[in-house]
N, C-alpha and C. Protein backbone atom coordinates (compact mmCIF):
# COMPACT_ATOMS: atom_id res chain seq x y z
N UNK A 1 25.88 -25.70 -66.94
CA UNK A 1 26.97 -25.15 -66.16
C UNK A 1 28.14 -26.11 -66.24
N UNK A 2 29.32 -25.58 -66.31
CA UNK A 2 30.53 -26.39 -66.42
C UNK A 2 31.16 -26.54 -65.04
N UNK A 3 31.76 -27.69 -64.80
CA UNK A 3 32.43 -27.93 -63.54
C UNK A 3 33.66 -27.03 -63.44
N UNK A 4 33.69 -26.19 -62.40
CA UNK A 4 34.80 -25.24 -62.25
C UNK A 4 36.03 -25.91 -61.65
N UNK A 5 35.83 -26.65 -60.58
CA UNK A 5 36.98 -27.29 -59.95
C UNK A 5 36.53 -28.39 -59.01
N UNK A 6 37.45 -29.26 -58.70
CA UNK A 6 37.25 -30.28 -57.68
C UNK A 6 38.39 -30.10 -56.69
N UNK A 7 38.06 -29.71 -55.45
CA UNK A 7 39.10 -29.41 -54.46
C UNK A 7 39.78 -30.67 -53.94
N UNK A 8 39.06 -31.77 -53.85
CA UNK A 8 39.67 -33.01 -53.39
C UNK A 8 39.09 -34.17 -54.18
N UNK A 9 39.75 -35.29 -54.12
CA UNK A 9 39.31 -36.45 -54.88
C UNK A 9 37.98 -36.99 -54.35
N UNK A 10 37.26 -37.63 -55.22
CA UNK A 10 36.01 -38.28 -54.84
C UNK A 10 36.38 -39.67 -54.33
N UNK A 11 36.00 -39.97 -53.11
CA UNK A 11 36.33 -41.28 -52.55
C UNK A 11 35.16 -42.23 -52.71
N UNK A 12 35.46 -43.42 -53.18
CA UNK A 12 34.48 -44.49 -53.34
C UNK A 12 35.03 -45.68 -52.58
N UNK A 13 34.32 -46.12 -51.54
CA UNK A 13 34.86 -47.18 -50.72
C UNK A 13 33.77 -48.11 -50.20
N UNK A 14 34.20 -49.25 -49.70
CA UNK A 14 33.30 -50.22 -49.12
C UNK A 14 34.07 -50.98 -48.04
N UNK A 15 33.36 -51.35 -47.01
CA UNK A 15 34.03 -52.08 -45.94
C UNK A 15 34.03 -53.59 -46.20
N UNK A 16 33.07 -54.08 -46.95
CA UNK A 16 32.96 -55.54 -47.09
C UNK A 16 32.58 -56.02 -48.49
N UNK A 17 32.66 -55.15 -49.50
CA UNK A 17 32.27 -55.51 -50.85
C UNK A 17 33.42 -55.21 -51.81
N UNK A 18 33.71 -56.13 -52.72
CA UNK A 18 34.68 -55.85 -53.77
C UNK A 18 33.97 -55.04 -54.85
N UNK A 19 34.40 -53.81 -55.05
CA UNK A 19 33.70 -52.90 -55.97
C UNK A 19 34.12 -53.06 -57.42
N UNK A 20 35.23 -53.72 -57.68
CA UNK A 20 35.70 -53.87 -59.05
C UNK A 20 36.23 -52.55 -59.58
N UNK A 21 36.25 -52.41 -60.90
CA UNK A 21 36.75 -51.19 -61.52
C UNK A 21 35.64 -50.29 -62.05
N UNK A 22 34.58 -50.89 -62.56
CA UNK A 22 33.56 -50.10 -63.24
C UNK A 22 32.65 -49.34 -62.26
N UNK A 23 32.35 -49.89 -61.09
CA UNK A 23 31.47 -49.20 -60.15
C UNK A 23 32.09 -47.90 -59.63
N UNK A 24 33.34 -47.89 -59.16
CA UNK A 24 33.92 -46.60 -58.74
C UNK A 24 34.00 -45.58 -59.86
N UNK A 25 34.30 -46.03 -61.07
CA UNK A 25 34.36 -45.12 -62.21
C UNK A 25 32.98 -44.54 -62.50
N UNK A 26 31.95 -45.40 -62.48
CA UNK A 26 30.57 -44.94 -62.69
C UNK A 26 30.17 -43.93 -61.62
N UNK A 27 30.54 -44.20 -60.37
CA UNK A 27 30.19 -43.30 -59.26
C UNK A 27 30.86 -41.94 -59.42
N UNK A 28 32.15 -41.93 -59.76
CA UNK A 28 32.86 -40.66 -59.93
C UNK A 28 32.29 -39.85 -61.08
N UNK A 29 32.04 -40.50 -62.21
CA UNK A 29 31.49 -39.79 -63.37
C UNK A 29 30.10 -39.23 -63.06
N UNK A 30 29.29 -40.00 -62.37
CA UNK A 30 27.93 -39.54 -62.04
C UNK A 30 27.96 -38.36 -61.07
N UNK A 31 28.83 -38.41 -60.08
CA UNK A 31 28.94 -37.30 -59.13
C UNK A 31 29.42 -36.04 -59.83
N UNK A 32 30.41 -36.17 -60.71
CA UNK A 32 30.90 -35.00 -61.45
C UNK A 32 29.82 -34.44 -62.37
N UNK A 33 29.00 -35.31 -62.96
CA UNK A 33 27.91 -34.85 -63.83
C UNK A 33 26.89 -34.05 -63.03
N UNK A 34 26.50 -34.55 -61.86
CA UNK A 34 25.53 -33.85 -61.01
C UNK A 34 26.14 -32.53 -60.51
N UNK A 35 27.41 -32.56 -60.11
CA UNK A 35 28.07 -31.35 -59.60
C UNK A 35 28.11 -30.27 -60.67
N UNK A 36 28.44 -30.64 -61.89
CA UNK A 36 28.54 -29.64 -62.95
C UNK A 36 27.16 -29.11 -63.34
N UNK A 37 26.15 -29.90 -63.14
CA UNK A 37 24.79 -29.48 -63.51
C UNK A 37 24.25 -28.40 -62.56
N UNK A 38 24.57 -28.50 -61.28
CA UNK A 38 23.94 -27.60 -60.32
C UNK A 38 24.78 -26.42 -59.88
N UNK A 39 25.99 -26.61 -59.42
CA UNK A 39 26.75 -25.46 -58.92
C UNK A 39 28.13 -25.32 -59.54
N UNK A 40 28.71 -26.38 -60.01
CA UNK A 40 29.97 -26.27 -60.72
C UNK A 40 31.23 -26.26 -59.89
N UNK A 41 31.15 -26.32 -58.57
CA UNK A 41 32.36 -26.34 -57.75
C UNK A 41 32.21 -27.37 -56.65
N UNK A 42 32.71 -28.56 -56.92
CA UNK A 42 32.64 -29.66 -55.97
C UNK A 42 33.81 -29.56 -55.00
N UNK A 43 33.50 -29.42 -53.71
CA UNK A 43 34.54 -29.35 -52.69
C UNK A 43 34.96 -30.77 -52.31
N UNK A 44 33.99 -31.61 -52.03
CA UNK A 44 34.29 -32.98 -51.66
C UNK A 44 33.12 -33.89 -52.03
N UNK A 45 33.45 -35.11 -52.33
CA UNK A 45 32.44 -36.10 -52.65
C UNK A 45 32.89 -37.46 -52.15
N UNK A 46 31.95 -38.20 -51.56
CA UNK A 46 32.30 -39.54 -51.08
C UNK A 46 31.11 -40.46 -51.25
N UNK A 47 31.43 -41.73 -51.50
CA UNK A 47 30.42 -42.77 -51.66
C UNK A 47 30.87 -43.95 -50.81
N UNK A 48 29.94 -44.52 -50.07
CA UNK A 48 30.26 -45.70 -49.28
C UNK A 48 29.18 -46.76 -49.52
N UNK A 49 29.64 -47.97 -49.79
CA UNK A 49 28.75 -49.10 -50.03
C UNK A 49 28.84 -50.08 -48.88
N UNK A 50 27.72 -50.71 -48.57
CA UNK A 50 27.68 -51.75 -47.56
C UNK A 50 26.62 -52.77 -47.93
N UNK A 51 26.67 -53.91 -47.28
CA UNK A 51 25.70 -54.96 -47.56
C UNK A 51 24.91 -55.22 -46.28
N UNK A 52 23.59 -55.23 -46.40
CA UNK A 52 22.71 -55.52 -45.28
C UNK A 52 21.72 -56.59 -45.71
N UNK A 53 21.95 -57.80 -45.29
CA UNK A 53 21.08 -58.89 -45.70
C UNK A 53 21.23 -59.14 -47.19
N UNK A 54 20.11 -59.07 -47.91
CA UNK A 54 20.12 -59.27 -49.35
C UNK A 54 20.28 -57.96 -50.12
N UNK A 55 20.23 -56.84 -49.41
CA UNK A 55 20.29 -55.53 -50.07
C UNK A 55 21.66 -54.88 -49.91
N UNK A 56 21.95 -53.99 -50.85
CA UNK A 56 23.13 -53.13 -50.77
C UNK A 56 22.68 -51.77 -50.26
N UNK A 57 23.49 -51.17 -49.41
CA UNK A 57 23.22 -49.82 -48.90
C UNK A 57 24.29 -48.90 -49.47
N UNK A 58 23.86 -47.75 -49.95
CA UNK A 58 24.79 -46.78 -50.51
C UNK A 58 24.53 -45.42 -49.87
N UNK A 59 25.60 -44.77 -49.44
CA UNK A 59 25.55 -43.41 -48.90
C UNK A 59 26.39 -42.51 -49.78
N UNK A 60 25.80 -41.39 -50.21
CA UNK A 60 26.50 -40.42 -51.05
C UNK A 60 26.53 -39.09 -50.31
N UNK A 61 27.72 -38.49 -50.20
CA UNK A 61 27.89 -37.19 -49.58
C UNK A 61 28.59 -36.27 -50.57
N UNK A 62 28.06 -35.07 -50.72
CA UNK A 62 28.66 -34.07 -51.62
C UNK A 62 28.60 -32.71 -50.95
N UNK A 63 29.67 -31.94 -51.11
CA UNK A 63 29.67 -30.56 -50.66
C UNK A 63 30.05 -29.69 -51.83
N UNK A 64 29.20 -28.72 -52.11
CA UNK A 64 29.39 -27.82 -53.24
C UNK A 64 29.70 -26.42 -52.72
N UNK A 65 30.82 -25.87 -53.15
CA UNK A 65 31.18 -24.51 -52.78
C UNK A 65 31.12 -24.28 -51.28
N UNK A 66 30.42 -23.25 -50.85
CA UNK A 66 30.30 -22.92 -49.44
C UNK A 66 29.03 -23.48 -48.82
N UNK A 67 28.31 -24.32 -49.55
CA UNK A 67 27.08 -24.91 -49.04
C UNK A 67 27.38 -26.01 -48.03
N UNK A 68 26.37 -26.36 -47.25
CA UNK A 68 26.53 -27.46 -46.30
C UNK A 68 26.59 -28.79 -47.05
N UNK A 69 27.05 -29.80 -46.36
CA UNK A 69 27.16 -31.15 -46.93
C UNK A 69 25.76 -31.69 -47.24
N UNK A 70 25.59 -32.22 -48.44
CA UNK A 70 24.34 -32.84 -48.85
C UNK A 70 24.55 -34.36 -48.81
N UNK A 71 23.58 -35.09 -48.24
CA UNK A 71 23.73 -36.53 -48.10
C UNK A 71 22.47 -37.25 -48.57
N UNK A 72 22.70 -38.42 -49.15
CA UNK A 72 21.59 -39.27 -49.58
C UNK A 72 21.96 -40.72 -49.32
N UNK A 73 20.96 -41.51 -48.97
CA UNK A 73 21.20 -42.91 -48.68
C UNK A 73 20.07 -43.73 -49.27
N UNK A 74 20.41 -44.91 -49.81
CA UNK A 74 19.39 -45.78 -50.40
C UNK A 74 19.80 -47.23 -50.26
N UNK A 75 18.79 -48.10 -50.33
CA UNK A 75 19.02 -49.55 -50.31
C UNK A 75 18.32 -50.17 -51.51
N UNK A 76 18.98 -51.17 -52.10
CA UNK A 76 18.39 -51.88 -53.22
C UNK A 76 19.12 -53.20 -53.39
N UNK A 77 18.48 -54.14 -54.07
CA UNK A 77 19.13 -55.43 -54.34
C UNK A 77 20.25 -55.29 -55.37
N UNK A 78 20.15 -54.27 -56.23
CA UNK A 78 21.18 -54.00 -57.23
C UNK A 78 22.07 -52.86 -56.73
N UNK A 79 23.37 -53.06 -56.71
CA UNK A 79 24.29 -52.07 -56.15
C UNK A 79 24.30 -50.78 -56.97
N UNK A 80 24.18 -50.89 -58.29
CA UNK A 80 24.14 -49.70 -59.14
C UNK A 80 22.85 -48.91 -58.89
N UNK A 81 21.75 -49.60 -58.73
CA UNK A 81 20.47 -48.93 -58.48
C UNK A 81 20.49 -48.24 -57.12
N UNK A 82 21.11 -48.88 -56.12
CA UNK A 82 21.23 -48.24 -54.80
C UNK A 82 22.02 -46.94 -54.91
N UNK A 83 23.12 -46.96 -55.68
CA UNK A 83 23.91 -45.74 -55.88
C UNK A 83 23.10 -44.67 -56.59
N UNK A 84 22.42 -45.06 -57.67
CA UNK A 84 21.65 -44.08 -58.45
C UNK A 84 20.55 -43.44 -57.61
N UNK A 85 19.87 -44.22 -56.77
CA UNK A 85 18.82 -43.68 -55.92
C UNK A 85 19.40 -42.71 -54.88
N UNK A 86 20.53 -43.06 -54.28
CA UNK A 86 21.16 -42.18 -53.30
C UNK A 86 21.63 -40.88 -53.96
N UNK A 87 22.21 -40.99 -55.15
CA UNK A 87 22.66 -39.80 -55.87
C UNK A 87 21.49 -38.92 -56.26
N UNK A 88 20.37 -39.52 -56.62
CA UNK A 88 19.18 -38.74 -56.98
C UNK A 88 18.67 -37.95 -55.77
N UNK A 89 18.78 -38.50 -54.59
CA UNK A 89 18.37 -37.78 -53.38
C UNK A 89 19.26 -36.55 -53.15
N UNK A 90 20.56 -36.71 -53.39
CA UNK A 90 21.47 -35.57 -53.25
C UNK A 90 21.18 -34.54 -54.34
N UNK A 91 20.93 -35.01 -55.56
CA UNK A 91 20.62 -34.09 -56.67
C UNK A 91 19.36 -33.29 -56.37
N UNK A 92 18.38 -33.92 -55.76
CA UNK A 92 17.14 -33.21 -55.41
C UNK A 92 17.43 -32.11 -54.39
N UNK A 93 18.29 -32.39 -53.41
CA UNK A 93 18.66 -31.37 -52.43
C UNK A 93 19.39 -30.21 -53.10
N UNK A 94 20.29 -30.53 -54.02
CA UNK A 94 21.02 -29.47 -54.74
C UNK A 94 20.08 -28.65 -55.61
N UNK A 95 19.14 -29.31 -56.25
CA UNK A 95 18.17 -28.62 -57.11
C UNK A 95 17.34 -27.66 -56.28
N UNK A 96 16.87 -28.11 -55.12
CA UNK A 96 16.06 -27.24 -54.26
C UNK A 96 16.89 -26.08 -53.71
N UNK A 97 18.13 -26.33 -53.34
CA UNK A 97 19.00 -25.28 -52.83
C UNK A 97 19.25 -24.24 -53.92
N UNK A 98 19.51 -24.68 -55.13
CA UNK A 98 19.76 -23.75 -56.23
C UNK A 98 18.51 -22.88 -56.49
N UNK A 99 17.35 -23.51 -56.43
CA UNK A 99 16.10 -22.75 -56.63
C UNK A 99 15.93 -21.71 -55.55
N UNK A 100 16.22 -22.05 -54.28
CA UNK A 100 16.10 -21.09 -53.20
C UNK A 100 17.07 -19.93 -53.35
N UNK A 101 18.28 -20.22 -53.77
CA UNK A 101 19.27 -19.15 -53.94
C UNK A 101 18.94 -18.24 -55.12
N UNK A 102 18.29 -18.78 -56.13
CA UNK A 102 17.90 -17.97 -57.29
C UNK A 102 16.80 -17.00 -56.95
N UNK A 103 15.90 -17.41 -56.07
CA UNK A 103 14.72 -16.57 -55.76
C UNK A 103 14.97 -15.53 -54.72
């Protein structure tokens, strides 16, 4: 499925971590890839990073079309791995929702 539209920009932010240039770009590309795979119309997407002790915490929120907001959160010592795990949780919710709507 091809991505039909993005109604608003994908926000990638952190309250206490310097994200650099590559992490926000990786996050945006990954969210757009997941969005195009499942429903094709991303209304809003946001990613927030935080640090808790030795681990990074990542929260991913996505809303597709008229569906409710899907959220995933993960912690890991690697910031990229924390993002990927949180995004996978959102992708699983989208996959299950798509299956329910098909049946």
